[in-house]
Protein backbone atom coordinates (compact mmCIF):
# COMPACT_ATOMS: atom_id res chain seq x y z
CA MET A 1 -4.56 7.03 -5.80
CA HIS A 2 -7.71 7.06 -3.93
CA LYS A 3 -7.13 3.53 -2.53
CA LEU A 4 -3.70 4.41 -1.31
CA THR A 5 -4.78 7.67 0.41
CA SER A 6 -7.77 5.87 2.00
CA ARG A 7 -5.73 3.01 3.53
CA LEU A 8 -2.71 5.00 4.68
CA ASP A 9 -2.69 7.83 7.23
CA GLU A 10 -1.32 11.29 6.48
CA ALA A 11 1.92 10.64 8.34
CA THR A 12 2.60 7.59 6.17
CA LEU A 13 1.75 9.53 3.01
CA GLN A 14 4.16 12.26 4.01
CA SER A 15 6.77 9.59 4.81
CA ILE A 16 6.48 8.38 1.21
CA VAL A 17 7.10 11.77 -0.09
CA ASP A 18 9.97 12.36 2.33
CA GLU A 19 11.60 9.08 1.22
CA TYR A 20 11.11 9.99 -2.45
CA VAL A 21 12.76 13.38 -1.89
CA ALA A 22 15.68 11.59 -0.02
CA GLY A 23 16.29 9.55 -3.16
CA THR A 24 14.21 6.37 -2.83
CA THR A 25 12.90 5.35 -6.22
CA SER A 26 9.27 5.26 -7.03
CA LEU A 27 9.55 1.51 -7.70
CA GLN A 28 11.11 0.85 -4.30
CA LEU A 29 8.34 2.84 -2.66
CA ALA A 30 5.61 1.21 -4.58
CA ARG A 31 6.92 -2.21 -3.66
CA ARG A 32 7.28 -1.23 -0.02
CA TYR A 33 3.76 0.26 0.25
CA VAL A 34 2.08 -2.22 -2.17
CA SER A 35 1.08 0.28 -4.78
CA GLY A 36 1.85 1.29 -8.39
CA LYS A 37 4.62 3.57 -9.44
CA ALA A 38 2.22 6.14 -10.91
CA THR A 39 0.27 6.25 -7.62
CA VAL A 40 3.55 6.82 -5.66
CA LEU A 41 4.58 9.56 -8.07
CA THR A 42 1.29 11.40 -7.70
CA LEU A 43 1.96 12.04 -3.99
CA PRO A 44 5.04 14.25 -4.44
CA HIS A 45 3.40 16.02 -7.39
CA GLN A 46 0.35 16.83 -5.32
CA ARG A 47 2.47 18.28 -2.59
CA GLY A 48 4.49 20.52 -4.89
CA VAL A 49 7.62 18.27 -5.04
CA ALA A 50 9.23 17.98 -8.39
CA VAL A 51 9.18 14.41 -9.86
CA ARG A 52 12.63 13.14 -10.93
CA PRO A 53 13.04 12.03 -14.55
CA LYS A 54 13.05 8.22 -14.66
CA TRP A 55 16.70 8.01 -15.58
CA GLU A 56 17.77 10.20 -12.59
CA HIS A 57 18.69 8.06 -9.62
CA TYR A 58 20.63 8.89 -6.39
């Protein structure tokens, strides 16, 4: 997690969370931002956003 937050600015981190809330999967976000799924899922969790079950897709 630390590497992602140290190389991306706050606006980009919030964009990741916003995209996740809008329905983009953690795998898609991980690929887009060259990160791991677990790291991507930590961002919404830290910001109080519920993480979707892995089988729930939009």
